[in-house]
C-alpha cells in the first residue's frame, strides 16, 4: 500500500528538485549529515521544548519563522540566534500563494515584512526563505534571487502537521527516508508543539547512535 504522506512529502519533492536548480531541496554531500528544519514558529511551549532537546543533544537546526510570531516572542528568537541556530524567513503571516485572489504583490510584501522584522531583531542578514505550505511561485523565486535568500524546500516531509499524524509514524518515516544531505521539515506550531519535541528527541537519539550528525543550514 502506498503511503501518501511519503509520496507527497518526500518523493514528489525529490522528483521535482531537478526542475528548479535555483532552489534548495537537499544539501550536496555523501556524508551522514542531515539538516533539521522547523516551520511556523516561534511558539511559547513548542519552541522552548525544541531548543531544550537540541541543546541536550548538542545539535544545531534551522527555524523558518513567521514575522508576526517573531514580534510576539522576541526573546525566543534571540535565544535561537545565541544558540547558533539558523533563522529563516517563512513570511509574515503564512499566506497561501496558490490561493485564488492572492497576488504576487501581497506575498512579496509578506516576505519583505518578515525579513525586516527578523533582521531588526537578530542584527544579521536573513539568507534562507521557505514558502508557506511549500507553495512557491516564479515571483517568489525571483524575489529570493534579488534579495539573496535561498528558496529552501525539503527532502524528507514526514507529515507531522497533519491532523491524523501519529508520533511513531512520523518518526518511522524519517528513519526510513533520511539520506545524506537530507533537509527534514518539521513544524513548530500549536498543532505540533506537544508531539514534535518528542519526535526530535527520539530521532536524535536513534540517528546519532547510527553515526548521523545534524547541522544548521
Protein backbone atom coordinates (compact mmCIF):
# COMPACT_ATOMS: atom_id res chain seq x y z
CA UNK A 1 0.00 0.00 0.00
CA UNK A 2 1.33 3.43 -0.97
CA UNK A 3 1.98 5.82 1.91
CA UNK A 4 0.53 9.07 0.55
CA UNK A 5 2.46 11.12 3.11
CA UNK A 6 5.74 9.67 1.85
CA UNK A 7 4.64 10.21 -1.74
CA UNK A 8 3.61 13.85 -1.36
CA UNK A 9 6.00 14.88 1.42
CA UNK A 10 9.18 13.22 0.17
CA UNK A 11 9.05 11.53 -3.24
CA UNK A 12 7.38 14.42 -5.08
CA UNK A 13 9.95 16.99 -3.84
CA UNK A 14 12.78 14.60 -4.70
CA UNK A 15 11.44 14.15 -8.21
CA UNK A 16 10.70 17.84 -8.70
CA UNK A 17 14.05 19.15 -7.46
CA UNK A 18 15.70 18.59 -10.85
CA UNK A 19 13.42 21.19 -12.45
CA UNK A 20 14.31 24.00 -10.03
CA UNK A 21 18.10 24.27 -9.77
CA UNK A 22 17.85 27.71 -8.14
CA UNK A 23 16.03 26.18 -5.16
CA UNK A 24 17.45 24.01 -2.38
CA UNK A 25 15.88 20.64 -1.68
CA UNK A 26 18.91 18.75 -0.36
CA UNK A 27 22.47 19.62 0.56
CA UNK A 28 25.23 18.19 -1.67
CA UNK A 29 27.12 15.64 0.43
CA UNK A 30 27.82 11.92 0.62
CA UNK A 31 28.43 12.01 4.37
CA UNK A 32 25.90 11.02 7.02
CA UNK A 33 24.86 14.58 7.74
CA UNK A 34 21.30 15.92 7.59
CA UNK A 35 19.54 19.21 8.29
CA UNK A 36 16.62 19.62 10.67
CA UNK A 37 14.26 22.49 9.92
CA UNK A 38 11.20 23.74 11.80
CA UNK A 39 8.46 25.90 10.25
CA UNK A 40 5.85 28.30 11.67
CA UNK A 41 7.34 29.36 15.00
CA UNK A 42 8.18 30.67 17.40
CA UNK A 43 5.59 29.33 19.85
CA UNK A 44 5.68 29.62 23.61
CA UNK A 45 5.77 25.96 24.58
CA UNK A 46 6.93 24.25 21.40
CA UNK A 47 9.96 26.38 20.65
CA UNK A 48 11.30 26.21 24.17
CA UNK A 49 10.94 22.42 24.18
CA UNK A 50 12.69 22.10 20.82
CA UNK A 51 15.57 24.32 21.93
CA UNK A 52 15.97 22.22 25.08
CA UNK A 53 16.15 18.97 23.08
CA UNK A 54 18.64 20.45 20.61
CA UNK A 55 20.81 21.68 23.46
CA UNK A 56 20.70 18.28 25.17
CA UNK A 57 21.94 16.56 22.02
CA UNK A 58 24.38 19.38 21.13
CA UNK A 59 22.68 19.82 17.77
CA UNK A 60 22.11 22.84 15.54
CA UNK A 61 19.00 23.30 13.41
CA UNK A 62 17.21 25.86 11.24
CA UNK A 63 13.99 27.67 12.14
CA UNK A 64 11.82 29.22 9.43
CA UNK A 65 9.87 31.85 11.34
CA UNK A 66 6.70 33.87 10.83
CA UNK A 67 7.23 37.58 11.26
CA UNK A 68 4.09 38.05 13.34
CA UNK A 69 5.25 35.37 15.81
CA UNK A 70 8.73 36.89 15.96
CA UNK A 71 7.19 40.18 17.05
CA UNK A 72 5.23 38.39 19.79
CA UNK A 73 8.18 36.38 21.15
CA UNK A 74 11.44 38.22 20.50
CA UNK A 75 13.22 36.61 23.47
CA UNK A 76 12.81 33.14 21.97
CA UNK A 77 14.24 34.32 18.66
CA UNK A 78 17.24 35.85 20.40
CA UNK A 79 17.74 32.54 22.24
CA UNK A 80 17.75 30.69 18.91
CA UNK A 81 20.31 33.04 17.44
CA UNK A 82 22.52 32.96 20.52
CA UNK A 83 22.46 29.15 20.50
CA UNK A 84 23.81 29.11 16.94
CA UNK A 85 20.68 28.03 15.09
CA UNK A 86 19.89 29.40 11.63
CA UNK A 87 16.87 31.68 11.35
CA UNK A 88 14.99 31.81 8.05
CA UNK A 89 12.03 33.65 6.55
CA UNK A 90 8.63 31.90 6.38
CA UNK A 91 6.65 35.08 5.54
CA UNK A 92 4.87 37.37 7.95
CA UNK A 93 1.52 35.61 8.38
CA UNK A 94 1.69 32.38 6.28
CA UNK A 95 -0.30 33.29 3.14
CA UNK A 96 -1.14 30.65 0.56
CA UNK A 97 0.49 31.88 -2.66
CA UNK A 98 -1.64 29.47 -4.73
CA UNK A 99 -4.99 30.58 -3.29
CA UNK A 100 -7.35 32.33 -5.72
CA UNK A 101 -7.09 36.06 -5.31
CA UNK A 102 -3.68 36.02 -3.61
CA UNK A 103 -1.49 38.31 -5.68
CA UNK A 104 2.27 38.25 -6.06
CA UNK A 105 2.32 41.74 -4.57
CA UNK A 106 0.71 40.54 -1.35
CA UNK A 107 3.06 37.55 -1.00
CA UNK A 108 6.22 39.52 -1.71
CA UNK A 109 5.17 42.21 0.74
CA UNK A 110 4.83 39.45 3.34
CA UNK A 111 8.35 38.21 2.63
CA UNK A 112 9.78 41.72 2.85
CA UNK A 113 7.95 42.45 6.09
CA UNK A 114 9.15 39.24 7.74
CA UNK A 115 12.71 39.92 6.59
CA UNK A 116 12.66 43.33 8.20
CA UNK A 117 11.25 42.10 11.49
CA UNK A 118 13.78 39.27 11.79
CA UNK A 119 16.81 41.28 10.72
CA UNK A 120 15.98 44.16 13.03
CA UNK A 121 15.88 41.70 15.91
CA UNK A 122 18.90 39.47 15.27
CA UNK A 123 21.05 42.11 13.54
CA UNK A 124 22.21 39.85 10.75
CA UNK A 125 21.01 39.15 7.19
CA UNK A 126 18.34 36.54 6.55
CA UNK A 127 19.73 34.11 3.97
CA UNK A 128 17.01 31.46 3.72
CA UNK A 129 13.34 31.55 2.76
CA UNK A 130 10.80 28.74 2.84
CA UNK A 131 7.45 29.34 1.08
CA UNK A 132 4.39 28.82 3.29
CA UNK A 133 2.94 25.36 2.59
CA UNK A 134 5.90 24.85 0.27
CA UNK A 135 3.85 26.62 -2.42
CA UNK A 136 6.33 28.71 -4.35
CA UNK A 137 5.83 30.89 -7.42
CA UNK A 138 8.09 32.34 -10.08
CA UNK A 139 7.76 35.75 -8.41
CA UNK A 140 8.91 34.30 -5.07
CA UNK A 141 11.88 32.60 -6.70
CA UNK A 142 12.89 35.82 -8.44
CA UNK A 143 12.49 37.76 -5.20
CA UNK A 144 14.84 35.31 -3.48
CA UNK A 145 17.48 35.79 -6.15
CA UNK A 146 17.28 39.58 -5.84
CA UNK A 147 17.22 39.55 -2.02
CA UNK A 148 19.87 36.81 -1.76
CA UNK A 149 17.69 34.47 0.24
CA UNK A 150 17.89 30.85 -0.88
CA UNK A 151 14.45 29.42 -1.60
CA UNK A 152 14.56 26.31 0.57
CA UNK A 153 12.31 23.27 0.30
CA UNK A 154 12.98 19.81 1.77
CA UNK A 155 13.96 16.23 1.01
CA UNK A 156 12.01 14.48 3.79
CA UNK A 157 8.49 15.58 4.82
CA UNK A 158 7.02 13.16 7.39
CA UNK A 159 3.64 14.87 7.73
CA UNK A 160 3.84 15.88 11.38
CA UNK A 161 1.41 18.77 10.78
CA UNK A 162 -1.48 16.57 9.63
CA UNK A 163 -4.50 16.19 11.97
CA UNK A 164 -4.10 12.41 11.76
CA UNK A 165 -0.34 12.40 12.45
CA UNK A 166 0.93 9.87 14.98
CA UNK A 167 4.30 10.29 16.64
CA UNK A 168 5.51 6.77 15.84
CA UNK A 169 4.60 7.12 12.16
CA UNK A 170 6.36 10.48 11.86
CA UNK A 171 9.50 9.05 13.44
CA UNK A 172 9.46 5.97 11.23
CA UNK A 173 9.11 7.98 8.04
CA UNK A 174 12.21 9.99 8.89
CA UNK A 175 14.16 6.87 9.85
CA UNK A 176 13.17 5.15 6.61
CA UNK A 177 13.73 8.06 4.24
CA UNK A 178 16.72 10.01 5.56
CA UNK A 179 19.75 10.06 3.25
CA UNK A 180 23.00 12.08 3.11
CA UNK A 181 22.20 15.77 2.77
CA UNK A 182 18.50 15.43 3.58
CA UNK A 183 16.66 18.56 4.64
CA UNK A 184 13.94 17.38 7.01
CA UNK A 185 10.87 19.57 7.52
CA UNK A 186 9.05 19.51 10.86
CA UNK A 187 6.74 22.09 12.40
CA UNK A 188 6.61 24.31 15.46
CA UNK A 189 3.00 25.38 15.78
CA UNK A 190 0.10 24.81 18.20
CA UNK A 191 -0.90 21.58 16.45
CA UNK A 192 2.56 20.01 16.67
CA UNK A 193 4.05 21.53 19.81
CA UNK A 194 3.27 18.54 22.05
CA UNK A 195 4.45 15.88 19.59
CA UNK A 196 7.44 17.22 17.66
CA UNK A 197 9.81 17.71 20.62
CA UNK A 198 9.27 14.02 21.46
CA UNK A 199 9.84 13.10 17.81
CA UNK A 200 13.03 15.15 17.76
CA UNK A 201 14.37 13.51 20.91
CA UNK A 202 13.75 10.01 19.55
CA UNK A 203 15.26 10.78 16.17
CA UNK A 204 18.40 12.37 17.55
CA UNK A 205 18.97 9.50 19.96
CA UNK A 206 18.48 6.83 17.29
CA UNK A 207 20.24 8.50 14.39
CA UNK A 208 23.24 9.79 16.31
CA UNK A 209 23.82 6.23 17.52
CA UNK A 210 23.85 5.22 13.83
CA UNK A 211 26.54 7.76 13.03
CA UNK A 212 24.43 10.62 11.74
CA UNK A 213 25.19 14.23 12.57
CA UNK A 214 22.98 17.27 12.11
CA UNK A 215 23.88 20.79 11.07
CA UNK A 216 22.19 24.13 10.54
CA UNK A 217 21.83 25.43 7.00
